[in-house]
Amino acid sequence: MKSLQQNFKDIEDEINFLKKKNNAIILSHFYQDEDIQDIADFIGDSLDLSKKAQKNDADVIVFCGVRFMAEVAKILSPHKKVILPDMNAGCSLEESCQVNEFRKFKKKYPDHIVLSYINCSAEIKAESDIIVTSSNAGKIIESMPAKQKIIFAPDKHLGGYLNKITGRDMVLWNGTCIVHETFSERELIKMKVRADDAKIIAHPECPENILNHANFIGSTSSLLRFISTNESKRFIVATEPHIIHQMKKNEPNKEFLIAPGNDGKCSCSNCPYMELNTLEKLRDCLLNLSPEINIDNELILKAKKPLNTMLKLS
């Protein structure tokens, strides 16, 4: 590992020096630790961050998020170096959908097109017809003929929610997000009784029994907009709780409660993959310009096609 022969007042100062030296841009997902969000150039959801990086003149993209997000950045900016603070920062949705098994699944439904949630590997994207996000999935599905048969992967909870709001009967791959499955309906009801003036806001990756209690369901960016436009002063947040850092910044006079787990107390909705990234690992990856996301050109072209289709439709 390289080392710097310079004195810095703190690790943030060192990171900013290395960022400038390498003409790098730091992207942070809403689910990253607060200190990473605060040093990032852009904070957002995965696709929005990759699009910002694509338009930026930086040579190096540091993606503080999980691996599939960094892959999207590489697919959209193949000539830029994309690095991830910890290559072990994966995703339970991505891991639930392996390409060989998915190919077998597709063969059972030859007359279906494949819509894949962006939370999947580059290999699954290459097996898909259209990629969707939690923000644009409903609109894209509703733009299709009613008779169009669809496979939706990999999130069965998001797929079930989309079936409900669009009236479709998509075939769902059996994948889930471990973070959004930790919320307890029983404990959520208890919290709502104690905070009866609070609005429940939830990400559509949550199971249906949680979504049934929500006053608003939406993507991370939609949740942020809702808390600013809604007159309520208290919100129960059913998604990864690091997003509350931005909620507090945007609405410092409002209160945000983390939706509870089974014991009503634990912070079990923190994403263990997101938490693998730290300031120290961010500094080290800028110092060594690794670990780097590498995707062969053929896979980039195959995975980019359904991403481009999404961008055209949305």
Protein backbone atom coordinates (compact mmCIF):
# COMPACT_ATOMS: atom_id res chain seq x y z
CA MET A 1 0.00 0.00 0.00
CA LYS A 2 1.25 3.47 -0.83
CA SER A 3 1.71 6.12 1.85
CA LEU A 4 1.74 9.89 1.79
CA GLN A 5 4.76 11.73 3.15
CA GLN A 6 2.73 14.75 4.15
CA ASN A 7 1.08 16.02 7.28
CA PHE A 8 -2.66 16.51 7.29
CA LYS A 9 -4.82 17.93 10.05
CA ASP A 10 -7.34 15.10 9.69
CA ILE A 11 -8.44 12.29 7.39
CA GLU A 12 -10.94 14.54 5.60
CA ASP A 13 -8.11 16.89 4.65
CA GLU A 14 -6.12 13.92 3.32
CA ILE A 15 -9.10 12.67 1.28
CA ASN A 16 -9.66 16.10 -0.26
CA PHE A 17 -5.95 16.34 -1.18
CA LEU A 18 -6.04 12.92 -2.88
CA LYS A 19 -9.30 13.72 -4.63
CA LYS A 20 -7.79 16.84 -6.17
CA LYS A 21 -4.53 15.07 -7.02
CA ASN A 22 -6.34 12.29 -8.89
CA ASN A 23 -9.03 14.50 -10.46
CA ALA A 24 -11.58 12.32 -8.70
CA ILE A 25 -15.23 12.75 -7.81
CA ILE A 26 -16.71 11.19 -4.66
CA LEU A 27 -20.27 9.86 -4.85
CA SER A 28 -22.22 8.81 -1.77
CA HIS A 29 -25.49 6.93 -1.59
CA PHE A 30 -28.04 8.11 0.99
CA TYR A 31 -27.40 4.90 2.97
CA GLN A 32 -23.73 5.67 3.67
CA ASP A 33 -22.42 6.78 7.06
CA GLU A 34 -22.82 10.46 7.85
CA ASP A 35 -19.10 11.26 7.61
CA ILE A 36 -18.94 9.84 4.08
CA GLN A 37 -22.08 11.75 3.03
CA ASP A 38 -20.55 14.96 4.37
CA ILE A 39 -17.33 14.67 2.35
CA ALA A 40 -18.95 13.55 -0.91
CA ASP A 41 -19.31 15.77 -3.96
CA PHE A 42 -22.75 14.34 -4.69
CA ILE A 43 -25.25 12.46 -2.51
CA GLY A 44 -28.18 10.63 -4.03
CA ASP A 45 -29.66 7.36 -5.22
CA SER A 46 -27.62 5.02 -7.40
CA LEU A 47 -28.70 5.94 -10.93
CA ASP A 48 -28.74 9.69 -10.30
CA LEU A 49 -25.19 9.53 -8.96
CA SER A 50 -23.95 7.58 -11.99
CA LYS A 51 -25.56 10.08 -14.35
CA LYS A 52 -23.90 12.98 -12.50
CA ALA A 53 -20.53 11.22 -12.75
CA GLN A 54 -21.08 10.61 -16.46
CA LYS A 55 -21.52 14.36 -17.04
CA ASN A 56 -18.60 15.32 -14.79
CA ASP A 57 -15.07 15.82 -16.15
CA ALA A 58 -13.42 13.80 -13.36
CA ASP A 59 -11.05 11.01 -14.42
CA VAL A 60 -11.77 8.87 -11.36
CA ILE A 61 -15.16 8.00 -9.86
CA VAL A 62 -15.14 6.92 -6.22
CA PHE A 63 -18.50 5.29 -5.54
CA CYS A 64 -19.32 5.07 -1.85
CA GLY A 65 -22.15 2.61 -2.05
CA VAL A 66 -22.33 -1.04 -3.05
CA ARG A 67 -20.82 -2.95 -5.94
CA PHE A 68 -23.77 -2.93 -8.36
CA MET A 69 -23.92 0.87 -8.07
CA ALA A 70 -20.25 1.20 -8.98
CA GLU A 71 -20.85 -1.17 -11.89
CA VAL A 72 -23.60 1.13 -13.23
CA ALA A 73 -21.16 4.05 -13.04
CA LYS A 74 -18.61 2.03 -15.04
CA ILE A 75 -21.22 0.99 -17.62
CA LEU A 76 -22.25 4.62 -18.18
CA SER A 77 -18.64 5.92 -18.04
CA PRO A 78 -16.54 3.03 -19.42
CA HIS A 79 -13.47 5.18 -20.09
CA LYS A 80 -13.25 6.42 -16.50
CA LYS A 81 -11.64 4.61 -13.59
CA VAL A 82 -14.29 3.56 -11.06
CA ILE A 83 -13.19 2.54 -7.58
CA LEU A 84 -15.09 1.24 -4.58
CA PRO A 85 -13.78 1.63 -1.01
CA ASP A 86 -14.57 -2.02 -0.17
CA MET A 87 -15.13 -4.57 -2.92
CA ASN A 88 -17.01 -6.76 -0.43
CA ALA A 89 -19.78 -4.16 -0.28
CA GLY A 90 -22.37 -6.25 -2.08
CA CYS A 91 -26.16 -6.40 -1.95
CA SER A 92 -28.53 -9.16 -0.84
CA LEU A 93 -30.72 -8.49 -3.90
CA GLU A 94 -27.76 -8.89 -6.24
CA GLU A 95 -26.61 -12.04 -4.44
CA SER A 96 -30.11 -13.55 -4.57
CA CYS A 97 -30.10 -13.51 -8.36
CA GLN A 98 -27.21 -15.42 -9.91
CA VAL A 99 -26.97 -15.36 -13.67
CA ASN A 100 -26.96 -19.12 -14.37
CA GLU A 101 -30.08 -19.70 -12.28
CA PHE A 102 -31.73 -16.65 -13.80
CA ARG A 103 -31.15 -17.92 -17.33
CA LYS A 104 -32.91 -21.17 -16.41
CA PHE A 105 -35.78 -19.16 -14.91
CA LYS A 106 -36.13 -17.08 -18.08
CA LYS A 107 -36.44 -20.20 -20.23
CA LYS A 108 -39.64 -21.12 -18.38
CA TYR A 109 -41.28 -17.93 -19.69
CA PRO A 110 -40.14 -17.52 -23.31
CA ASP A 111 -42.95 -15.09 -24.19
CA HIS A 112 -42.10 -12.69 -21.33
CA ILE A 113 -39.86 -9.64 -21.45
CA VAL A 114 -37.50 -9.08 -18.53
CA LEU A 115 -37.66 -6.00 -16.34
CA SER A 116 -34.85 -5.94 -13.81
CA TYR A 117 -34.55 -3.60 -10.87
CA ILE A 118 -31.27 -1.71 -11.00
CA ASN A 119 -30.20 -3.50 -7.79
CA CYS A 120 -28.64 -6.40 -9.70
CA SER A 121 -25.31 -7.39 -11.22
CA ALA A 122 -24.06 -6.33 -14.64
CA GLU A 123 -24.59 -9.94 -15.77
CA ILE A 124 -28.30 -9.81 -14.85
CA LYS A 125 -28.64 -6.43 -16.55
CA ALA A 126 -27.23 -8.02 -19.70
CA GLU A 127 -29.98 -10.69 -19.49
CA SER A 128 -32.70 -8.03 -19.22
CA ASP A 129 -34.77 -6.06 -21.71
CA ILE A 130 -35.30 -2.99 -19.54
CA ILE A 131 -33.76 -1.82 -16.27
CA VAL A 132 -35.98 0.09 -13.86
CA THR A 133 -35.57 2.02 -10.63
CA SER A 134 -38.01 2.37 -7.77
CA SER A 135 -38.72 5.89 -9.08
CA ASN A 136 -39.57 5.05 -12.69
CA ALA A 137 -40.71 1.39 -12.62
CA GLY A 138 -44.44 2.16 -12.36
CA LYS A 139 -44.36 4.61 -15.24
CA ILE A 140 -42.38 2.23 -17.47
CA ILE A 141 -44.69 -0.71 -16.74
CA GLU A 142 -47.81 1.36 -17.42
CA SER A 143 -46.36 2.46 -20.78
CA MET A 144 -46.44 -1.15 -22.00
CA PRO A 145 -49.42 -2.89 -23.62
CA ALA A 146 -51.71 -4.49 -21.04
CA LYS A 147 -51.20 -7.92 -22.62
CA GLN A 148 -47.42 -7.74 -22.39
CA LYS A 149 -46.11 -10.58 -20.19
CA ILE A 150 -43.31 -9.54 -17.84
CA ILE A 151 -40.70 -11.15 -15.60
CA PHE A 152 -39.64 -8.84 -12.77
CA ALA A 153 -36.37 -9.42 -10.92
CA PRO A 154 -34.83 -9.56 -8.42
CA ASP A 155 -36.98 -7.94 -5.66
CA LYS A 156 -40.25 -9.77 -5.03
CA HIS A 157 -41.51 -7.10 -2.61
CA LEU A 158 -40.97 -4.25 -5.06
CA GLY A 159 -42.43 -6.43 -7.80
CA GLY A 160 -45.50 -7.22 -5.69
CA TYR A 161 -46.01 -3.53 -4.95
CA LEU A 162 -45.74 -2.71 -8.65
CA ASN A 163 -48.23 -5.45 -9.51
CA LYS A 164 -50.64 -3.89 -7.02
CA ILE A 165 -50.38 -0.30 -8.26
CA THR A 166 -50.32 -1.16 -11.99
CA GLY A 167 -52.80 -4.03 -11.98
CA ARG A 168 -50.27 -6.34 -13.65
CA ASP A 169 -49.44 -9.95 -12.91
CA MET A 170 -45.70 -9.95 -13.43
CA VAL A 171 -43.79 -13.16 -12.71
CA LEU A 172 -41.52 -12.37 -9.76
CA TRP A 173 -38.04 -13.61 -8.99
CA ASN A 174 -37.79 -14.58 -5.32
CA GLY A 175 -35.26 -12.01 -4.11
CA THR A 176 -35.40 -9.63 -1.15
CA CYS A 177 -33.45 -6.85 0.54
CA ILE A 178 -32.29 -7.95 3.99
CA VAL A 179 -32.51 -4.36 5.27
CA HIS A 180 -36.16 -3.81 4.39
CA GLU A 181 -37.19 -7.22 5.70
CA THR A 182 -36.04 -6.39 9.24
CA PHE A 183 -38.97 -4.12 10.09
CA SER A 184 -41.60 -5.53 12.43
CA GLU A 185 -45.26 -4.84 11.71
CA ARG A 186 -46.18 -5.40 15.35
CA GLU A 187 -43.55 -2.98 16.64
CA LEU A 188 -44.39 -0.47 13.91
CA ILE A 189 -48.02 -0.42 15.06
CA LYS A 190 -46.85 0.10 18.66
CA MET A 191 -44.66 3.02 17.58
CA LYS A 192 -47.52 4.56 15.60
CA VAL A 193 -49.79 4.34 18.67
CA ARG A 194 -47.18 6.16 20.76
CA ALA A 195 -46.53 8.72 17.99
CA ASP A 196 -50.02 9.04 16.56
CA ASP A 197 -49.24 12.33 14.81
CA ALA A 198 -46.37 10.79 12.82
CA LYS A 199 -46.59 9.87 9.15
CA ILE A 200 -45.15 6.48 8.16
CA ILE A 201 -42.97 6.67 5.04
CA ALA A 202 -41.58 3.53 3.43
CA HIS A 203 -39.42 2.32 0.58
CA PRO A 204 -41.22 -0.12 -1.76
CA GLU A 205 -38.58 -2.78 -1.07
CA CYS A 206 -40.41 -3.31 2.25
CA PRO A 207 -42.75 -6.32 2.58
CA GLU A 208 -46.43 -5.71 1.89
CA ASN A 209 -47.42 -5.89 5.58
CA ILE A 210 -45.20 -2.85 6.25
CA LEU A 211 -46.31 -0.97 3.14
CA ASN A 212 -49.95 -1.44 4.17
CA HIS A 213 -49.36 0.95 7.09
CA ALA A 214 -47.47 3.60 5.12
CA ASN A 215 -48.85 7.07 4.45
CA PHE A 216 -46.35 7.44 1.63
CA ILE A 217 -44.33 4.90 -0.38
CA GLY A 218 -41.45 5.95 -2.60
CA SER A 219 -37.81 5.84 -3.60
CA THR A 220 -35.13 7.43 -1.43
CA SER A 221 -35.30 10.72 -3.33
CA SER A 222 -39.11 10.64 -3.22
CA LEU A 223 -39.05 10.14 0.55
CA LEU A 224 -36.80 13.18 0.90
CA ARG A 225 -39.16 15.30 -1.18
CA PHE A 226 -42.19 14.10 0.76
CA ILE A 227 -40.88 15.10 4.19
CA SER A 228 -40.28 18.61 2.89
CA THR A 229 -43.66 19.03 1.19
CA ASN A 230 -45.80 17.37 3.86
CA GLU A 231 -46.99 19.49 6.78
CA SER A 232 -46.43 16.76 9.37
CA LYS A 233 -43.70 17.44 11.93
CA ARG A 234 -42.94 13.77 12.71
CA PHE A 235 -42.15 10.81 10.47
CA ILE A 236 -41.53 7.12 11.02
CA VAL A 237 -38.95 6.10 8.43
CA ALA A 238 -39.09 2.53 7.05
CA THR A 239 -35.90 2.35 5.03
CA GLU A 240 -32.16 2.27 5.74
CA PRO A 241 -31.79 4.87 8.52
CA HIS A 242 -28.68 6.68 7.25
CA ILE A 243 -31.02 8.64 4.97
CA ILE A 244 -32.23 10.44 8.10
CA HIS A 245 -28.97 12.43 8.05
CA GLN A 246 -30.14 14.21 4.89
CA MET A 247 -33.70 14.47 6.21
CA LYS A 248 -32.43 16.32 9.29
CA LYS A 249 -30.34 18.61 7.10
CA ASN A 250 -33.31 19.41 4.87
CA GLU A 251 -35.86 19.69 7.69
CA PRO A 252 -34.04 20.46 10.98
CA ASN A 253 -37.28 21.31 12.78
CA LYS A 254 -38.92 17.97 12.06
CA GLU A 255 -38.50 14.68 13.95
CA PHE A 256 -37.57 11.35 12.33
CA LEU A 257 -38.10 7.99 14.01
CA ILE A 258 -36.48 4.79 12.75
CA ALA A 259 -39.06 2.10 12.04
CA PRO A 260 -38.43 -0.65 14.62
CA GLY A 261 -37.15 -4.20 14.28
CA ASN A 262 -38.50 -7.23 16.09
CA ASP A 263 -37.39 -6.17 19.56
CA GLY A 264 -38.53 -2.60 19.02
CA LYS A 265 -35.08 -1.22 19.76
CA CYS A 266 -32.32 -2.59 17.53
CA SER A 267 -30.70 -0.70 14.67
CA CYS A 268 -31.00 -3.86 12.59
CA SER A 269 -32.12 -1.90 9.54
CA ASN A 270 -28.58 -0.56 9.02
CA CYS A 271 -27.23 -2.06 5.80
CA PRO A 272 -24.20 -4.22 6.70
CA TYR A 273 -22.86 -3.91 3.15
CA MET A 274 -23.03 -0.11 3.09
CA GLU A 275 -21.32 0.01 6.48
CA LEU A 276 -18.24 -1.77 5.06
CA ASN A 277 -17.23 1.56 3.52
CA THR A 278 -15.39 3.86 5.95
CA LEU A 279 -13.43 7.10 5.73
CA GLU A 280 -10.21 5.12 6.13
CA LYS A 281 -11.09 2.84 3.21
CA LEU A 282 -12.16 5.87 1.16
CA ARG A 283 -8.75 7.44 1.81
CA ASP A 284 -6.94 4.20 0.96
CA CYS A 285 -8.78 3.64 -2.32
CA LEU A 286 -7.91 7.17 -3.42
CA LEU A 287 -4.31 6.60 -2.41
CA ASN A 288 -3.99 3.31 -4.31
CA LEU A 289 -6.71 3.84 -6.95
CA SER A 290 -8.09 0.44 -6.07
CA PRO A 291 -10.11 -1.72 -5.70
CA GLU A 292 -11.20 -0.94 -9.24
CA ILE A 293 -14.40 -2.00 -11.01
CA ASN A 294 -13.47 -3.83 -14.21
CA ILE A 295 -16.10 -5.03 -16.68
CA ASP A 296 -15.22 -6.39 -20.11
CA ASN A 297 -16.38 -4.37 -23.10
CA GLU A 298 -18.82 -6.99 -24.37
CA LEU A 299 -20.64 -7.11 -21.03
CA ILE A 300 -20.67 -3.31 -20.82
CA LEU A 301 -22.39 -3.10 -24.21
CA LYS A 302 -24.95 -5.78 -23.31
CA ALA A 303 -25.72 -4.24 -19.91
CA LYS A 304 -25.87 -0.70 -21.29
CA LYS A 305 -28.60 -1.54 -23.81
CA PRO A 306 -31.42 -2.10 -21.23
CA LEU A 307 -30.17 0.89 -19.23
CA ASN A 308 -30.46 3.08 -22.33
CA THR A 309 -33.96 1.69 -22.97
CA MET A 310 -34.93 2.73 -19.45
CA LEU A 311 -33.55 6.23 -19.95
CA LYS A 312 -35.53 6.62 -23.18
CA LEU A 313 -38.78 5.39 -21.61
CA SER A 314 -38.45 7.45 -18.44
